N, C-alpha and C. Protein backbone atom coordinates (compact mmCIF):
# COMPACT_ATOMS: atom_id res chain seq x y z
N UNK A 1 -57.37 -47.73 27.34
CA UNK A 1 -57.02 -47.59 28.73
C UNK A 1 -55.51 -47.38 28.83
N UNK A 2 -55.14 -46.28 29.38
CA UNK A 2 -53.74 -45.91 29.51
C UNK A 2 -52.98 -46.87 30.42
N UNK A 3 -53.61 -47.28 31.51
CA UNK A 3 -52.95 -48.18 32.45
C UNK A 3 -52.59 -49.51 31.79
N UNK A 4 -53.48 -50.06 31.00
CA UNK A 4 -53.20 -51.31 30.29
C UNK A 4 -51.99 -51.14 29.36
N UNK A 5 -51.91 -50.02 28.69
CA UNK A 5 -50.78 -49.76 27.80
C UNK A 5 -49.48 -49.64 28.59
N UNK A 6 -49.52 -48.90 29.68
CA UNK A 6 -48.32 -48.72 30.50
C UNK A 6 -47.85 -50.04 31.12
N UNK A 7 -48.79 -50.87 31.50
CA UNK A 7 -48.44 -52.17 32.10
C UNK A 7 -48.13 -53.21 31.03
N UNK A 8 -48.37 -52.86 29.77
CA UNK A 8 -48.13 -53.75 28.63
C UNK A 8 -48.97 -55.02 28.71
N UNK A 9 -50.23 -54.82 29.06
CA UNK A 9 -51.19 -55.92 29.10
C UNK A 9 -52.43 -55.50 28.31
N UNK A 10 -53.27 -56.46 28.00
CA UNK A 10 -54.48 -56.15 27.25
C UNK A 10 -55.55 -55.57 28.18
N UNK A 11 -56.52 -54.93 27.60
CA UNK A 11 -57.62 -54.37 28.37
C UNK A 11 -58.41 -55.46 29.11
N UNK A 12 -58.71 -56.59 28.43
CA UNK A 12 -59.41 -57.65 29.17
C UNK A 12 -58.62 -58.17 30.38
N UNK A 13 -57.29 -58.22 30.24
CA UNK A 13 -56.48 -58.66 31.37
C UNK A 13 -56.53 -57.65 32.49
N UNK A 14 -56.51 -56.38 32.16
CA UNK A 14 -56.63 -55.34 33.19
C UNK A 14 -57.96 -55.44 33.91
N UNK A 15 -59.01 -55.72 33.19
CA UNK A 15 -60.32 -55.91 33.83
C UNK A 15 -60.29 -57.10 34.79
N UNK A 16 -59.59 -58.15 34.40
CA UNK A 16 -59.45 -59.31 35.29
C UNK A 16 -58.68 -58.93 36.55
N UNK A 17 -57.65 -58.12 36.41
CA UNK A 17 -56.88 -57.64 37.56
C UNK A 17 -57.79 -56.85 38.49
N UNK A 18 -58.54 -55.94 37.92
CA UNK A 18 -59.43 -55.08 38.72
C UNK A 18 -60.50 -55.88 39.45
N UNK A 19 -60.91 -56.99 38.85
CA UNK A 19 -61.97 -57.83 39.46
C UNK A 19 -61.41 -58.91 40.36
N UNK A 20 -60.07 -59.02 40.43
CA UNK A 20 -59.44 -60.01 41.29
C UNK A 20 -59.57 -61.43 40.78
N UNK A 21 -59.60 -61.60 39.48
CA UNK A 21 -59.72 -62.92 38.87
C UNK A 21 -58.56 -63.81 39.31
N UNK A 22 -58.84 -65.04 39.77
CA UNK A 22 -57.78 -65.90 40.28
C UNK A 22 -56.80 -66.41 39.22
N UNK A 23 -57.11 -66.29 37.96
CA UNK A 23 -56.22 -66.78 36.92
C UNK A 23 -55.15 -65.80 36.49
N UNK A 24 -55.14 -64.61 37.07
CA UNK A 24 -54.15 -63.59 36.70
C UNK A 24 -52.83 -63.89 37.40
N UNK A 25 -51.73 -63.84 36.67
CA UNK A 25 -50.42 -64.17 37.23
C UNK A 25 -49.90 -63.03 38.12
N UNK A 26 -48.99 -63.41 39.03
CA UNK A 26 -48.37 -62.41 39.89
C UNK A 26 -47.54 -61.42 39.06
N UNK A 27 -47.00 -61.90 37.96
CA UNK A 27 -46.24 -61.02 37.09
C UNK A 27 -47.10 -59.90 36.52
N UNK A 28 -48.34 -60.24 36.20
CA UNK A 28 -49.27 -59.23 35.69
C UNK A 28 -49.58 -58.21 36.76
N UNK A 29 -49.83 -58.69 37.98
CA UNK A 29 -50.08 -57.76 39.09
C UNK A 29 -48.87 -56.86 39.32
N UNK A 30 -47.67 -57.44 39.23
CA UNK A 30 -46.46 -56.65 39.41
C UNK A 30 -46.34 -55.58 38.32
N UNK A 31 -46.69 -55.93 37.10
CA UNK A 31 -46.65 -54.96 36.00
C UNK A 31 -47.61 -53.79 36.24
N UNK A 32 -48.80 -54.12 36.73
CA UNK A 32 -49.80 -53.08 37.00
C UNK A 32 -49.33 -52.19 38.15
N UNK A 33 -48.82 -52.81 39.23
CA UNK A 33 -48.32 -52.02 40.36
C UNK A 33 -47.16 -51.14 39.94
N UNK A 34 -46.28 -51.65 39.08
CA UNK A 34 -45.17 -50.85 38.58
C UNK A 34 -45.68 -49.67 37.77
N UNK A 35 -46.66 -49.92 36.90
CA UNK A 35 -47.23 -48.85 36.08
C UNK A 35 -47.90 -47.78 36.94
N UNK A 36 -48.43 -48.19 38.08
CA UNK A 36 -49.07 -47.24 38.99
C UNK A 36 -48.07 -46.55 39.91
N UNK A 37 -46.82 -47.04 39.90
CA UNK A 37 -45.79 -46.44 40.75
C UNK A 37 -45.86 -46.91 42.19
N UNK A 38 -46.47 -48.07 42.42
CA UNK A 38 -46.60 -48.57 43.79
C UNK A 38 -46.14 -50.03 43.89
N UNK A 39 -45.10 -50.36 43.18
CA UNK A 39 -44.59 -51.73 43.19
C UNK A 39 -44.17 -52.19 44.58
N UNK A 40 -43.73 -51.25 45.43
CA UNK A 40 -43.28 -51.62 46.78
C UNK A 40 -44.39 -52.26 47.61
N UNK A 41 -45.63 -52.05 47.24
CA UNK A 41 -46.74 -52.67 47.98
C UNK A 41 -46.78 -54.19 47.80
N UNK A 42 -46.12 -54.68 46.78
CA UNK A 42 -46.05 -56.12 46.57
C UNK A 42 -45.28 -56.81 47.70
N UNK A 43 -44.38 -56.07 48.34
CA UNK A 43 -43.62 -56.62 49.46
C UNK A 43 -44.54 -57.01 50.61
N UNK A 44 -45.58 -56.24 50.83
CA UNK A 44 -46.52 -56.53 51.91
C UNK A 44 -47.22 -57.86 51.65
N UNK A 45 -47.56 -58.12 50.40
CA UNK A 45 -48.22 -59.37 50.04
C UNK A 45 -47.28 -60.55 50.29
N UNK A 46 -46.00 -60.38 50.01
CA UNK A 46 -45.04 -61.47 50.13
C UNK A 46 -44.46 -61.61 51.53
N UNK A 47 -44.79 -60.71 52.46
CA UNK A 47 -44.24 -60.75 53.81
C UNK A 47 -45.03 -61.72 54.68
N UNK A 48 -44.43 -62.87 54.97
CA UNK A 48 -45.12 -63.91 55.74
C UNK A 48 -45.49 -63.46 57.14
N UNK A 49 -44.74 -62.53 57.72
CA UNK A 49 -45.04 -62.07 59.08
C UNK A 49 -46.33 -61.26 59.14
N UNK A 50 -46.82 -60.81 58.01
CA UNK A 50 -48.07 -60.05 57.97
C UNK A 50 -49.27 -60.92 57.61
N UNK A 51 -49.03 -62.20 57.38
CA UNK A 51 -50.08 -63.14 57.00
C UNK A 51 -50.67 -63.78 58.26
N UNK A 52 -51.69 -63.16 58.83
CA UNK A 52 -52.28 -63.61 60.09
C UNK A 52 -52.86 -65.01 59.96
N UNK A 53 -53.57 -65.27 58.89
CA UNK A 53 -54.17 -66.59 58.69
C UNK A 53 -53.08 -67.65 58.52
N UNK A 54 -52.09 -67.36 57.71
CA UNK A 54 -50.99 -68.29 57.49
C UNK A 54 -50.24 -68.59 58.78
N UNK A 55 -50.02 -67.58 59.61
CA UNK A 55 -49.33 -67.77 60.88
C UNK A 55 -50.16 -68.65 61.81
N UNK A 56 -51.48 -68.45 61.85
CA UNK A 56 -52.35 -69.26 62.69
C UNK A 56 -52.35 -70.71 62.23
N UNK A 57 -52.39 -70.94 60.93
CA UNK A 57 -52.35 -72.30 60.40
C UNK A 57 -51.01 -72.97 60.72
N UNK A 58 -49.95 -72.22 60.61
CA UNK A 58 -48.62 -72.76 60.92
C UNK A 58 -48.51 -73.12 62.40
N UNK A 59 -49.08 -72.29 63.26
CA UNK A 59 -49.04 -72.53 64.70
C UNK A 59 -49.78 -73.82 65.07
N UNK A 60 -50.84 -74.14 64.34
CA UNK A 60 -51.58 -75.37 64.60
C UNK A 60 -50.73 -76.61 64.38
N UNK A 61 -49.73 -76.52 63.54
CA UNK A 61 -48.89 -77.68 63.22
C UNK A 61 -47.66 -77.79 64.13
N UNK A 62 -47.49 -76.86 65.06
CA UNK A 62 -46.37 -76.95 65.98
C UNK A 62 -46.61 -78.08 66.98
N UNK A 63 -45.57 -78.77 67.41
CA UNK A 63 -45.77 -79.85 68.37
C UNK A 63 -46.24 -79.32 69.73
N UNK A 64 -47.04 -80.11 70.41
CA UNK A 64 -47.52 -79.74 71.74
C UNK A 64 -46.39 -79.97 72.75
N UNK A 65 -46.41 -79.22 73.84
CA UNK A 65 -45.42 -79.42 74.91
C UNK A 65 -45.65 -80.77 75.57
N UNK A 66 -44.60 -81.47 75.84
CA UNK A 66 -44.71 -82.78 76.46
C UNK A 66 -44.79 -82.65 77.98
N UNK A 67 -43.98 -81.77 78.56
CA UNK A 67 -43.94 -81.59 80.01
C UNK A 67 -44.44 -80.20 80.37
N UNK A 68 -45.19 -80.11 81.43
CA UNK A 68 -45.61 -78.80 81.92
C UNK A 68 -44.54 -78.29 82.88
N UNK A 69 -44.54 -77.02 83.20
CA UNK A 69 -43.59 -76.43 84.14
C UNK A 69 -43.74 -77.08 85.51
N UNK A 70 -44.93 -77.47 85.87
CA UNK A 70 -45.21 -78.10 87.16
C UNK A 70 -44.43 -79.40 87.32
N UNK A 71 -44.35 -80.20 86.28
CA UNK A 71 -43.63 -81.47 86.33
C UNK A 71 -42.11 -81.28 86.36
N UNK A 72 -41.61 -80.16 85.91
CA UNK A 72 -40.18 -79.92 85.88
C UNK A 72 -39.62 -79.51 87.23
N UNK A 73 -40.47 -79.07 88.14
CA UNK A 73 -40.00 -78.58 89.45
C UNK A 73 -39.60 -79.71 90.39
N UNK A 74 -40.11 -80.82 90.26
CA UNK A 74 -39.68 -81.77 91.23
C UNK A 74 -40.41 -83.00 91.26
């Protein structure tokens, strides 16, 4: 497999990458993306503003408002 050679990883590791095996390191994914010429796509994965689930979970931990606008008027 040419891609495995270009990424400097073994064929079994490339198969794990293709199957989304959870034990594959981010460095290996970066090597494969670099070999494919699409390393810039890794930025999307690391961009917290694009993580909808992560943002929703973070929002759940924000403190609730103590006073409503109605109580502030008078």
